[in-house]
Amino acid sequence: MIEHAIELERCRRDAHFFIFDSQRLKTKDEHDHDNPVKSVPDHPYLRIFLDCLLVGGKLIEPDKAHHALRSGIDREFLDYLYRAGVLFVEKSRDLFITNLVCCFIHWRAKYVRYQLILVQSKNEDDAANIVYNKDEDAARLSFQEYQLPEHLKSTNLRHASFARINFDSGSRVRGIPEGARIIRSEHPSMIFSDEGAYQDEFDSSFTSSLPAVQGGGFFLSVSSAEPGSFQAIVCPEEPNTATALQGFSYRLAQQTIPVLRIHYSCHPGRVPGTVGGEGWKKDAAMRYPGGVDSPRWKKEQEIDYGALSGTKLFSKWEEWQRNGRIVIAPFDPRGYRLYASYDHGWRNPAAYHVHGVSPDGDIVTLWEFYANYVPAHQIAEIIKGKNIVTEDGRRFEGNPYSGQERFKVADPSIWAEDVPQADKTNKSTAWIFERCGVYFQEGERGGDTTVAEWLLGHFWKDPENPLYRITTDCSKLIWEIGQQRFRQFSDKVALHRDQPEELVDKDNHAWDDLKMFLKRFPPPQAKKKPGLIPNTLPWWKKQIQRQAMGLPVRSYRAGANG
């Protein structure tokens, strides 16, 4: 029939028509007992996400991504995504994101010739539950094909095998377990890493995918929040660029990795402040112990990677950030005495901060450098105020307060002579800095608990009138302070041992250099209570108390300390 031929051609040409408009593509919702088979929900955030998938997969040009462009996603970001062929997506739970990726893979395999699409999950069984698992209508992808009308089908699912489907277009979809081995032995057109944050071997899988991406492929990873390699790549502490759609934002992590952040508030039925949104939130949160304040809620819905990693050192940090007193806008620190602190790193980030102390003794952290894989000689140039570009193309602005620091305190490890030189000698990192004209004083490591007590008991004792502040130019330090958590034993171990006092040794590079600086400016000691004046009524009462306790009674001529 001509109508069928026209519909088939429209589906082939337009992924949006095939997935949303045709109403032919069906998905299953195992949670809905009454209506488990449904069309794809036509929500704006899903249209925007599909545009990003099409651009990242080089299936449309960036200027054809109309939904993404209308939402406010910058054309420059889409151009970069098109060239990079890499997309990471961090998401709240239950937003249909993984299902939409399956719809996209389905369309690509049906209508783009000779594709090899690898779907990677924690293990092969999980991947098979996405691709094909024994029955035609069991897995997500096979169910979608099974439900299509006959004139739109393009494979005989009876010929599919475990975790594999071949399409008439010559394209193949294969489910694989985590790890680099299979990816290295294939040359895939697309790799979809499902819940990459939960894969122990995610880092090696991503690295092994890069040659395929360089050859024109597409690497996509979608995940809920979980600490690990995925988190380290997407850098969730970096600021996002908002779109016109609340809850949908984007960024270039580490200036190189395109990242989408899809928060539940972008769903039209979950918008905060609306009747429907507040009703959904109340209903959803009741299933979490502690409701919206539960670390489980924060991890699964607020995309907080460290929510279940232990008790926070500063439990009210998010509230303090919002109050506008501790975290403040940048300003001209005229009249402040300036100092600096540095924590060295290569694979882990190096952190350099400039601090100011006012004539009244108030402290503010003004500016930061924070990055890994930057050589010491280039960090020295940044400290001296020069803008630099690293070999991998990252750009860093120079220190605007160069030369004004009265001293620079640094990690003691930089004086260890463990850096090999071209003349086959070993030199210290401090020696490299000195050769570049940057001189540090040796700082003191440790002191997590001590500095935390100073902050809570003195500097932030009154959060409305703090004695230590941080400008928004120091986003990494602000993020790291919120990440500091106590180590935590498992429930089984905690039955027999007290929980430890030390902090988790992670995401603490800016925190470490802050500690080294604050140790140079500790809070003033409390004034000693004056002694009693001899031969006064309070003094004689004290002597009577001493006598009652069997202690010697002092003569008032002996002084006021009796």
Protein backbone atom coordinates (compact mmCIF):
# COMPACT_ATOMS: atom_id res chain seq x y z
CA MET A 1 0.00 0.00 0.00
CA ILE A 2 1.19 3.48 -0.84
CA GLU A 3 0.35 4.76 2.66
CA HIS A 4 2.64 2.13 4.16
CA ALA A 5 5.45 3.04 1.77
CA ILE A 6 5.13 6.73 2.63
CA GLU A 7 5.12 5.99 6.35
CA LEU A 8 8.15 3.73 6.01
CA GLU A 9 10.07 6.45 4.17
CA ARG A 10 9.16 9.09 6.75
CA CYS A 11 10.35 6.80 9.54
CA ARG A 12 13.62 6.22 7.69
CA ARG A 13 14.28 9.91 7.14
CA ASP A 14 13.26 11.29 10.51
CA ALA A 15 14.05 9.75 13.89
CA HIS A 16 11.62 12.13 15.59
CA PHE A 17 8.80 10.91 13.37
CA PHE A 18 9.65 7.23 13.96
CA ILE A 19 10.01 7.58 17.74
CA PHE A 20 7.40 10.22 18.64
CA ASP A 21 5.07 11.25 15.83
CA SER A 22 4.16 7.98 14.14
CA GLN A 23 2.80 6.46 17.38
CA ARG A 24 3.97 3.15 15.94
CA LEU A 25 6.89 2.58 18.32
CA LYS A 26 5.79 1.01 21.59
CA THR A 27 7.64 0.47 24.84
CA LYS A 28 6.68 -1.51 27.90
CA ASP A 29 6.24 -0.25 31.43
CA GLU A 30 6.42 -3.17 33.85
CA HIS A 31 5.24 -0.92 36.70
CA ASP A 32 1.89 -0.17 35.08
CA HIS A 33 -0.34 -3.22 35.56
CA ASP A 34 -3.28 -1.75 33.65
CA ASN A 35 -1.50 -0.24 30.62
CA PRO A 36 2.02 -1.70 30.28
CA VAL A 37 2.35 -1.09 26.50
CA LYS A 38 2.76 2.59 25.69
CA SER A 39 3.86 5.01 23.03
CA VAL A 40 6.99 7.05 23.71
CA PRO A 41 6.04 10.07 25.89
CA ASP A 42 6.41 13.25 23.85
CA HIS A 43 8.14 15.48 26.41
CA PRO A 44 10.33 18.44 25.38
CA TYR A 45 13.37 17.16 27.31
CA LEU A 46 13.24 13.86 25.40
CA ARG A 47 13.07 15.71 22.05
CA ILE A 48 16.11 17.79 23.07
CA PHE A 49 17.97 14.67 24.17
CA LEU A 50 17.20 12.90 20.89
CA ASP A 51 18.61 15.87 18.97
CA CYS A 52 21.83 15.58 20.98
CA LEU A 53 22.03 11.84 20.21
CA LEU A 54 21.56 12.52 16.49
CA VAL A 55 24.23 15.24 16.51
CA GLY A 56 26.70 13.18 18.56
CA GLY A 57 26.13 10.24 16.23
CA LYS A 58 26.75 12.48 13.18
CA LEU A 59 23.30 11.62 11.82
CA ILE A 60 22.18 15.25 11.55
CA GLU A 61 24.13 18.48 11.26
CA PRO A 62 24.09 20.75 14.34
CA ASP A 63 21.96 23.36 12.54
CA LYS A 64 19.23 20.71 12.09
CA ALA A 65 18.95 20.11 15.85
CA HIS A 66 15.93 22.41 16.08
CA HIS A 67 14.64 21.22 19.47
CA ALA A 68 18.07 21.56 21.08
CA LEU A 69 18.72 24.98 19.56
CA ARG A 70 15.30 26.31 20.56
CA SER A 71 15.90 25.16 24.12
CA GLY A 72 18.96 27.38 24.31
CA ILE A 73 21.75 24.83 23.86
CA ASP A 74 24.60 26.80 22.36
CA ARG A 75 25.45 26.10 18.72
CA GLU A 76 29.12 26.00 19.67
CA PHE A 77 28.40 23.13 22.10
CA LEU A 78 26.52 21.20 19.41
CA ASP A 79 29.35 21.77 16.92
CA TYR A 80 31.82 20.43 19.47
CA LEU A 81 29.57 17.43 20.21
CA TYR A 82 29.37 16.69 16.47
CA ARG A 83 33.15 16.71 16.13
CA ALA A 84 33.87 14.87 19.38
CA GLY A 85 31.45 11.95 18.96
CA VAL A 86 31.39 11.51 22.75
CA LEU A 87 28.47 12.23 25.08
CA PHE A 88 28.08 11.58 28.79
CA VAL A 89 24.66 11.91 30.42
CA GLU A 90 24.11 12.11 34.19
CA LYS A 91 20.47 11.72 35.15
CA SER A 92 17.86 11.38 37.85
CA ARG A 93 16.09 8.04 38.00
CA ASP A 94 12.92 7.11 36.11
CA LEU A 95 13.01 9.72 33.33
CA PHE A 96 12.76 7.34 30.33
CA ILE A 97 16.35 8.26 29.35
CA THR A 98 17.64 4.70 28.84
CA ASN A 99 14.43 3.78 27.02
CA LEU A 100 14.90 6.68 24.63
CA VAL A 101 18.47 5.56 23.92
CA CYS A 102 17.04 2.15 23.03
CA CYS A 103 14.61 3.86 20.65
CA PHE A 104 17.49 5.76 19.06
CA ILE A 105 19.58 2.59 18.68
CA HIS A 106 16.56 0.84 17.17
CA TRP A 107 16.05 3.58 14.57
CA ARG A 108 19.77 3.74 13.76
CA ALA A 109 20.10 -0.03 13.30
CA LYS A 110 16.95 -0.21 11.12
CA TYR A 111 17.67 2.66 8.79
CA VAL A 112 21.43 3.28 8.73
CA ARG A 113 23.28 0.61 6.78
CA TYR A 114 26.00 -1.67 8.15
CA GLN A 115 26.19 -0.32 11.69
CA LEU A 116 27.78 -2.26 14.53
CA ILE A 117 26.24 -1.04 17.77
CA LEU A 118 27.59 -2.39 21.06
CA VAL A 119 25.40 -2.12 24.15
CA GLN A 120 27.58 -2.50 27.22
CA SER A 121 26.33 -3.11 30.73
CA LYS A 122 27.69 -4.50 34.01
CA ASN A 123 27.35 -8.06 32.71
CA GLU A 124 26.11 -9.77 29.56
CA ASP A 125 22.74 -10.69 31.09
CA ASP A 126 22.02 -7.02 31.80
CA ALA A 127 23.02 -6.12 28.25
CA ALA A 128 20.82 -8.93 26.89
CA ASN A 129 17.85 -7.46 28.77
CA ILE A 130 18.29 -4.38 26.61
CA VAL A 131 18.93 -6.12 23.27
CA TYR A 132 17.44 -9.65 23.11
CA ASN A 133 16.94 -12.26 25.83
CA LYS A 134 15.35 -15.58 24.75
CA ASP A 135 11.85 -14.30 23.93
CA GLU A 136 10.92 -11.77 21.25
CA ASP A 137 9.08 -9.49 23.68
CA ALA A 138 11.39 -9.84 26.70
CA ALA A 139 14.17 -7.29 26.12
CA ARG A 140 13.61 -3.59 25.45
CA LEU A 141 14.90 -3.42 21.88
CA SER A 142 13.34 -6.67 20.69
CA PHE A 143 10.02 -5.67 22.28
CA GLN A 144 9.99 -2.44 20.27
CA GLU A 145 10.56 -4.35 17.01
CA TYR A 146 8.06 -7.07 18.00
CA GLN A 147 5.28 -4.48 18.52
CA LEU A 148 5.75 -2.73 15.16
CA PRO A 149 3.24 -3.33 12.37
CA GLU A 150 4.46 -5.75 9.70
CA HIS A 151 5.27 -3.10 7.09
CA LEU A 152 7.73 -1.41 9.47
CA LYS A 153 9.52 -4.51 10.71
CA SER A 154 13.03 -5.06 9.40
CA THR A 155 14.26 -8.22 11.09
CA ASN A 156 13.00 -11.67 11.91
CA LEU A 157 13.40 -11.91 15.66
CA ARG A 158 13.15 -15.69 15.49
CA HIS A 159 16.64 -15.61 14.04
CA ALA A 160 18.00 -13.42 16.86
CA SER A 161 20.29 -14.97 19.46
CA PHE A 162 21.20 -14.15 23.02
CA ALA A 163 22.18 -10.44 23.24
CA ARG A 164 22.30 -10.13 19.41
CA ILE A 165 19.95 -8.84 16.70
CA ASN A 166 20.75 -8.52 12.98
CA PHE A 167 18.69 -6.12 10.83
CA ASP A 168 17.89 -6.18 7.12
CA SER A 169 19.98 -3.01 6.75
CA GLY A 170 23.09 -5.06 7.48
CA SER A 171 23.38 -3.46 10.90
CA ARG A 172 23.97 -5.47 14.06
CA VAL A 173 23.26 -4.75 17.71
CA ARG A 174 25.22 -6.75 20.26
CA GLY A 175 25.09 -6.72 24.06
CA ILE A 176 28.42 -7.09 25.86
CA PRO A 177 29.67 -7.12 29.47
CA GLU A 178 31.89 -4.40 30.91
CA GLY A 179 35.58 -4.25 30.04
CA ALA A 180 37.80 -3.35 27.11
CA ARG A 181 38.42 -6.77 25.53
CA ILE A 182 35.44 -7.03 23.15
CA ILE A 183 35.53 -3.35 22.18
CA ARG A 184 39.19 -3.65 21.21
CA SER A 185 38.48 -6.65 18.99
CA GLU A 186 35.65 -4.89 17.11
CA HIS A 187 35.32 -1.62 15.20
CA PRO A 188 31.92 -0.38 16.41
CA SER A 189 29.89 2.44 14.90
CA MET A 190 28.42 3.20 18.33
CA ILE A 191 29.07 2.11 21.92
CA PHE A 192 26.31 2.65 24.46
CA SER A 193 27.51 2.22 28.05
CA ASP A 194 24.45 1.72 30.25
CA GLU A 195 24.86 2.87 33.87
CA GLY A 196 28.58 3.43 33.29
CA ALA A 197 29.11 4.78 36.81
CA TYR A 198 28.35 1.31 38.16
CA GLN A 199 30.88 -0.46 35.94
CA ASP A 200 34.18 -1.22 37.68
CA GLU A 201 36.02 -1.34 34.35
CA PHE A 202 34.39 1.75 32.88
CA ASP A 203 37.65 3.66 32.49
CA SER A 204 39.29 0.94 30.38
CA SER A 205 36.11 0.53 28.29
CA PHE A 206 35.97 4.24 27.52
CA THR A 207 39.67 4.38 26.66
CA SER A 208 39.38 1.39 24.30
CA SER A 209 36.42 3.08 22.56
CA LEU A 210 38.35 6.21 21.59
CA PRO A 211 39.99 4.82 18.42
CA ALA A 212 36.52 3.91 17.09
CA VAL A 213 35.27 7.39 17.95
CA GLN A 214 38.27 8.91 16.20
CA GLY A 215 37.28 6.92 13.11
CA GLY A 216 33.76 8.41 13.10
CA GLY A 217 32.02 6.37 15.80
CA PHE A 218 29.90 7.53 18.71
CA PHE A 219 30.47 6.80 22.41
CA LEU A 220 27.48 7.37 24.70
CA SER A 221 27.31 6.72 28.42
CA VAL A 222 24.17 7.31 30.49
CA SER A 223 24.20 6.83 34.22
CA SER A 224 22.73 7.64 37.59
CA ALA A 225 25.12 9.00 40.22
CA GLU A 226 27.73 6.68 41.71
CA PRO A 227 31.33 7.51 42.72
CA GLY A 228 33.98 6.14 40.38
CA SER A 229 35.57 6.62 36.96
CA PHE A 230 32.39 8.01 35.38
CA GLN A 231 32.23 10.69 38.05
CA ALA A 232 35.92 11.55 37.59
CA ILE A 233 35.37 12.11 33.86
CA VAL A 234 32.15 14.15 34.01
CA CYS A 235 33.43 16.34 36.89
CA PRO A 236 29.98 17.02 38.43
CA GLU A 237 31.44 19.89 40.47
CA GLU A 238 31.93 22.00 37.33
CA PRO A 239 29.26 24.61 36.56
CA ASN A 240 26.51 23.78 34.06
CA THR A 241 25.00 26.00 31.40
CA ALA A 242 21.25 26.14 31.84
CA THR A 243 18.79 25.80 28.98
CA ALA A 244 15.35 27.38 28.75
CA LEU A 245 14.02 24.08 30.06
CA GLN A 246 14.41 23.86 33.83
CA GLY A 247 16.42 20.84 34.92
CA PHE A 248 18.13 20.29 31.55
CA SER A 249 21.68 21.66 31.39
CA TYR A 250 25.01 20.98 29.71
CA ARG A 251 28.74 21.58 30.02
CA LEU A 252 32.16 20.62 28.67
CA ALA A 253 33.72 18.64 31.51
CA GLN A 254 37.45 19.31 31.84
CA GLN A 255 36.97 21.55 28.78
CA THR A 256 36.82 18.46 26.53
CA ILE A 257 33.94 16.06 27.36
CA PRO A 258 30.34 16.99 26.37
CA VAL A 259 28.02 16.29 29.29
CA LEU A 260 24.24 16.59 29.64
CA ARG A 261 22.66 16.80 33.08
CA ILE A 262 19.01 15.72 33.07
CA HIS A 263 17.35 16.39 36.43
CA TYR A 264 13.83 15.28 37.32
CA SER A 265 12.64 18.91 37.34
CA CYS A 266 12.70 18.93 33.50
CA HIS A 267 9.79 16.47 33.47
CA PRO A 268 6.53 18.42 32.94
CA GLY A 269 4.87 16.55 35.78
CA ARG A 270 7.69 17.14 38.27
CA VAL A 271 8.36 20.88 38.06
CA PRO A 272 9.15 22.20 41.56
CA GLY A 273 6.68 24.75 42.88
CA THR A 274 3.76 23.43 40.84
CA VAL A 275 0.89 21.44 42.28
CA GLY A 276 1.75 18.40 40.18
CA GLY A 277 5.48 18.67 40.84
CA GLU A 278 5.14 19.02 44.59
CA GLY A 279 2.61 16.18 44.66
CA TRP A 280 4.98 13.89 42.73
CA LYS A 281 7.90 14.81 44.98
CA LYS A 282 5.92 14.15 48.15
CA ASP A 283 4.69 10.82 46.84
CA ALA A 284 8.10 9.72 45.53
CA ALA A 285 10.03 10.84 48.62
CA MET A 286 7.82 8.91 51.04
CA ARG A 287 9.51 5.71 49.87
CA TYR A 288 12.95 6.97 50.95
CA PRO A 289 13.85 6.78 54.66
CA GLY A 290 14.11 10.43 55.67
CA GLY A 291 12.27 11.75 52.61
CA VAL A 292 13.96 14.44 50.50
CA ASP A 293 16.67 14.83 53.16
CA SER A 294 17.63 11.18 52.75
CA PRO A 295 21.04 10.56 51.18
CA ARG A 296 19.35 7.92 49.02
CA TRP A 297 16.98 10.54 47.60
CA LYS A 298 19.88 12.91 46.97
CA LYS A 299 21.85 10.23 45.18
CA GLU A 300 19.06 8.82 43.01
CA GLN A 301 17.08 12.00 42.27
CA GLU A 302 19.36 14.99 42.94
CA ILE A 303 22.37 13.35 41.18
CA ASP A 304 24.59 13.68 44.27
CA TYR A 305 27.49 11.28 43.72
CA GLY A 306 28.72 11.25 47.31
CA ALA A 307 25.42 11.20 49.17
CA LEU A 308 25.91 7.65 50.51
CA SER A 309 29.68 7.88 51.02
CA GLY A 310 29.58 8.69 54.74
CA THR A 311 28.54 11.48 57.06
CA LYS A 312 29.29 14.94 55.69
CA LEU A 313 31.87 16.99 57.52
CA PHE A 314 29.80 20.14 56.97
CA SER A 315 26.22 18.92 57.09
CA LYS A 316 24.69 22.32 56.27
CA TRP A 317 27.06 23.22 53.44
CA GLU A 318 24.39 23.40 50.71
CA GLU A 319 22.29 25.69 52.89
CA TRP A 320 25.31 27.88 53.65
CA GLN A 321 26.15 28.11 49.96
CA ARG A 322 22.71 29.48 49.25
CA ASN A 323 22.65 32.05 52.02
CA GLY A 324 25.05 34.33 50.13
CA ARG A 325 27.22 35.03 53.18
CA ILE A 326 29.94 32.36 53.05
CA VAL A 327 30.07 31.97 49.24
CA ILE A 328 30.16 35.46 47.77
CA ALA A 329 30.68 37.22 44.45
CA PRO A 330 34.25 38.19 43.45
CA PHE A 331 35.37 41.65 44.57
CA ASP A 332 38.41 43.91 44.54
CA PRO A 333 40.42 42.96 47.69
CA ARG A 334 41.98 46.40 48.03
CA GLY A 335 43.44 46.75 51.51
CA TYR A 336 43.70 42.98 52.06
CA ARG A 337 47.03 41.27 52.67
CA LEU A 338 47.35 38.44 50.13
CA TYR A 339 48.79 34.95 50.60
CA ALA A 340 48.69 31.69 48.63
CA SER A 341 48.68 27.93 49.17
CA TYR A 342 49.43 25.04 46.82
CA ASP A 343 48.77 21.29 46.81
CA HIS A 344 50.68 19.45 44.10
CA GLY A 345 49.30 16.75 41.83
CA TRP A 346 49.77 15.18 38.41
CA ARG A 347 47.22 12.39 37.92
CA ASN A 348 45.28 13.97 40.76
CA PRO A 349 44.54 17.68 40.45
CA ALA A 350 46.99 20.34 41.55
CA ALA A 351 45.35 23.21 43.45
CA TYR A 352 46.58 26.78 43.99
CA HIS A 353 44.56 29.38 45.88
CA VAL A 354 45.05 33.05 46.64
CA HIS A 355 43.69 34.19 50.00
CA GLY A 356 43.18 37.64 51.48
CA VAL A 357 43.22 38.77 55.10
CA SER A 358 41.45 42.01 55.94
CA PRO A 359 42.73 44.55 58.51
CA ASP A 360 40.08 43.15 60.89
CA GLY A 361 41.41 39.63 60.47
CA ASP A 362 38.58 38.32 58.28
CA ILE A 363 39.75 35.81 55.65
CA VAL A 364 38.56 35.27 52.08
CA THR A 365 39.73 32.88 49.35
CA LEU A 366 39.78 34.91 46.14
CA TRP A 367 41.03 32.85 43.20
CA GLU A 368 41.99 29.32 42.24
CA PHE A 369 43.80 27.17 39.74
CA TYR A 370 42.73 23.50 39.78
CA ALA A 371 43.59 20.87 37.16
CA ASN A 372 45.44 17.63 36.61
CA TYR A 373 48.05 16.68 34.00
CA VAL A 374 49.52 20.19 33.92
CA PRO A 375 53.36 20.23 34.17
CA ALA A 376 54.95 22.12 37.05
CA HIS A 377 56.66 24.64 34.75
CA GLN A 378 53.28 25.60 33.24
CA ILE A 379 51.67 25.86 36.67
CA ALA A 380 54.52 28.22 37.58
CA GLU A 381 53.67 30.41 34.60
CA ILE A 382 50.00 30.49 35.68
CA ILE A 383 51.03 31.46 39.22
CA LYS A 384 53.14 34.27 37.73
CA GLY A 385 50.05 35.57 35.93
CA LYS A 386 50.48 34.21 32.42
CA ASN A 387 47.72 32.57 30.40
CA ILE A 388 48.77 29.15 29.12
CA VAL A 389 47.50 26.48 26.72
CA THR A 390 48.43 22.87 27.50
CA GLU A 391 49.48 20.34 24.87
CA ASP A 392 45.98 18.84 24.89
CA GLY A 393 44.40 22.23 24.13
CA ARG A 394 43.14 23.25 27.58
CA ARG A 395 43.34 26.98 28.34
CA PHE A 396 44.04 28.44 31.77
CA GLU A 397 44.01 32.08 32.82
CA GLY A 398 46.92 33.47 34.77
CA ASN A 399 46.80 34.44 38.43
CA PRO A 400 45.38 38.01 38.58
CA TYR A 401 47.11 38.59 41.94
CA SER A 402 50.59 37.53 40.80
CA GLY A 403 53.37 39.15 42.78
CA GLN A 404 51.05 40.39 45.52
CA GLU A 405 51.23 37.26 47.69
CA ARG A 406 53.28 37.83 50.85
CA PHE A 407 54.11 34.13 51.02
CA LYS A 408 53.11 30.91 49.31
CA VAL A 409 52.78 27.80 51.43
CA ALA A 410 52.94 24.40 49.70
CA ASP A 411 52.60 20.67 50.11
CA PRO A 412 55.81 19.36 51.78
CA SER A 413 56.02 16.52 49.25
CA ILE A 414 57.21 18.91 46.52
CA TRP A 415 60.63 19.01 48.23
CA ALA A 416 61.14 15.26 47.70
CA GLU A 417 63.80 14.69 45.03
CA ASP A 418 61.84 12.15 43.02
CA VAL A 419 61.36 13.85 39.63
CA PRO A 420 63.65 12.37 36.91
CA GLN A 421 65.51 14.92 34.78
CA ALA A 422 67.00 14.72 31.29
CA ASP A 423 70.55 14.52 32.74
CA LYS A 424 69.51 11.32 34.61
CA THR A 425 69.42 13.06 37.96
CA ASN A 426 66.43 13.43 40.23
CA LYS A 427 65.21 16.85 41.31
CA SER A 428 62.36 18.03 43.49
CA THR A 429 59.22 19.69 42.17
CA ALA A 430 60.12 22.66 44.39
CA TRP A 431 63.42 22.95 42.47
CA ILE A 432 61.47 23.10 39.18
CA PHE A 433 59.28 25.87 40.55
CA GLU A 434 62.32 27.77 41.81
CA ARG A 435 63.95 27.52 38.38
CA CYS A 436 60.80 29.20 37.06
CA GLY A 437 60.91 31.95 39.70
CA VAL A 438 58.20 30.64 42.05
CA TYR A 439 59.18 30.10 45.68
CA PHE A 440 57.18 28.28 48.34
CA GLN A 441 57.38 27.87 52.09
CA GLU A 442 56.90 24.35 53.42
CA GLY A 443 53.39 23.77 54.71
CA GLU A 444 52.00 21.30 57.21
CA ARG A 445 49.83 18.42 56.05
CA GLY A 446 47.00 16.76 57.96
CA GLY A 447 44.79 18.39 60.51
CA ASP A 448 41.39 17.62 58.97
CA THR A 449 39.62 17.51 62.32
CA THR A 450 41.47 20.52 63.73
CA VAL A 451 40.69 22.79 60.77
CA ALA A 452 37.09 21.56 60.65
CA GLU A 453 36.69 22.47 64.32
CA TRP A 454 38.12 25.94 63.61
CA LEU A 455 35.68 26.48 60.76
CA LEU A 456 32.64 25.24 62.65
CA GLY A 457 33.53 26.71 66.02
CA HIS A 458 35.02 30.04 64.97
CA PHE A 459 35.01 31.07 61.29
CA TRP A 460 31.47 29.79 60.57
CA LYS A 461 30.10 29.81 64.09
CA ASP A 462 27.63 32.44 62.88
CA PRO A 463 26.93 31.58 59.21
CA GLU A 464 25.14 34.90 58.74
CA ASN A 465 28.32 36.76 59.73
CA PRO A 466 31.18 34.44 58.72
CA LEU A 467 34.82 35.26 59.41
CA TYR A 468 35.99 33.14 56.43
CA ARG A 469 34.43 33.48 52.97
CA ILE A 470 35.02 32.09 49.48
CA THR A 471 34.34 33.81 46.17
CA THR A 472 32.55 32.05 43.35
CA ASP A 473 35.82 32.14 41.37
CA CYS A 474 36.83 29.16 43.52
CA SER A 475 34.24 26.62 42.33
CA LYS A 476 36.44 23.58 42.96
CA LEU A 477 37.15 24.53 46.56
CA ILE A 478 33.44 25.18 47.13
CA TRP A 479 32.64 21.77 45.68
CA GLU A 480 35.35 19.94 47.61
CA ILE A 481 34.24 21.38 50.96
CA GLY A 482 30.82 19.86 50.32
CA GLN A 483 32.44 16.52 49.43
CA GLN A 484 34.38 16.06 52.68
CA ARG A 485 32.98 13.04 54.50
CA PHE A 486 34.00 10.81 57.36
CA ARG A 487 35.09 7.30 56.54
CA GLN A 488 32.36 4.85 57.37
CA PHE A 489 32.52 1.20 58.35
CA SER A 490 29.93 -1.19 56.98
CA ASP A 491 26.92 -1.93 59.18
CA LYS A 492 28.44 -5.30 60.08
CA VAL A 493 31.80 -3.86 61.17
CA ALA A 494 30.09 -0.96 62.97
CA LEU A 495 28.43 -3.44 65.33
CA HIS A 496 31.82 -4.04 66.95
CA ARG A 497 33.80 -0.86 66.27
CA ASP A 498 33.21 2.86 66.62
CA GLN A 499 33.00 4.74 63.33
CA PRO A 500 36.38 6.31 62.45
CA GLU A 501 37.12 10.01 62.89
CA GLU A 502 39.25 10.39 59.75
CA LEU A 503 37.92 11.65 56.42
CA VAL A 504 37.66 9.82 53.12
CA ASP A 505 40.91 10.50 51.22
CA LYS A 506 39.27 11.67 48.00
CA ASP A 507 38.31 14.97 46.35
CA ASN A 508 40.44 16.86 48.85
CA HIS A 509 43.17 18.67 46.90
CA ALA A 510 41.76 22.19 47.26
CA TRP A 511 40.75 21.28 50.83
CA ASP A 512 44.34 20.24 51.60
CA ASP A 513 45.87 23.50 50.44
CA LEU A 514 43.20 25.46 52.36
CA LYS A 515 44.18 23.58 55.54
CA MET A 516 47.86 24.46 55.01
CA PHE A 517 46.94 28.13 54.74
CA LEU A 518 44.52 28.26 57.70
CA LYS A 519 47.15 26.68 59.93
CA ARG A 520 49.13 29.89 59.45
CA PHE A 521 46.10 31.90 60.66
CA PRO A 522 44.48 29.87 63.46
CA PRO A 523 41.63 31.36 65.51
CA PRO A 524 42.73 33.43 68.50
CA GLN A 525 42.88 31.47 71.72
CA ALA A 526 40.13 32.14 74.21
CA LYS A 527 41.20 34.59 76.87
CA LYS A 528 42.27 32.94 80.11
CA LYS A 529 39.77 33.48 82.88
CA PRO A 530 41.27 35.95 85.35
CA GLY A 531 42.24 34.56 88.75
CA LEU A 532 40.39 35.44 91.92
CA ILE A 533 41.53 38.52 93.79
CA PRO A 534 42.94 37.52 97.21
CA ASN A 535 41.05 38.42 100.37
CA THR A 536 37.75 38.97 98.57
CA LEU A 537 34.47 37.17 99.24
CA PRO A 538 34.76 34.94 96.10
CA TRP A 539 38.36 34.13 97.09
CA TRP A 540 37.35 33.06 100.61
CA LYS A 541 34.49 30.91 99.22
CA LYS A 542 37.07 29.17 97.05
CA GLN A 543 39.22 28.44 100.13
CA ILE A 544 36.24 26.99 101.98
CA GLN A 545 35.56 24.68 98.98
CA ARG A 546 39.22 23.60 98.98
CA GLN A 547 39.09 22.90 102.70
CA ALA A 548 35.93 20.80 102.26
CA MET A 549 37.73 18.72 99.60
CA GLY A 550 40.72 18.21 101.87
CA LEU A 551 42.97 20.52 99.86
CA PRO A 552 45.33 22.98 101.55
CA VAL A 553 43.92 26.45 102.19
CA ARG A 554 46.18 29.23 100.86
CA SER A 555 47.06 32.48 102.47
CA TYR A 556 45.89 35.48 100.52
CA ARG A 557 49.52 36.59 100.53
CA ALA A 558 50.36 33.55 98.35
CA GLY A 559 48.59 35.07 95.35
CA ALA A 560 45.37 34.86 93.46
CA ASN A 561 45.63 31.33 92.01
CA GLY A 562 44.51 29.45 95.15
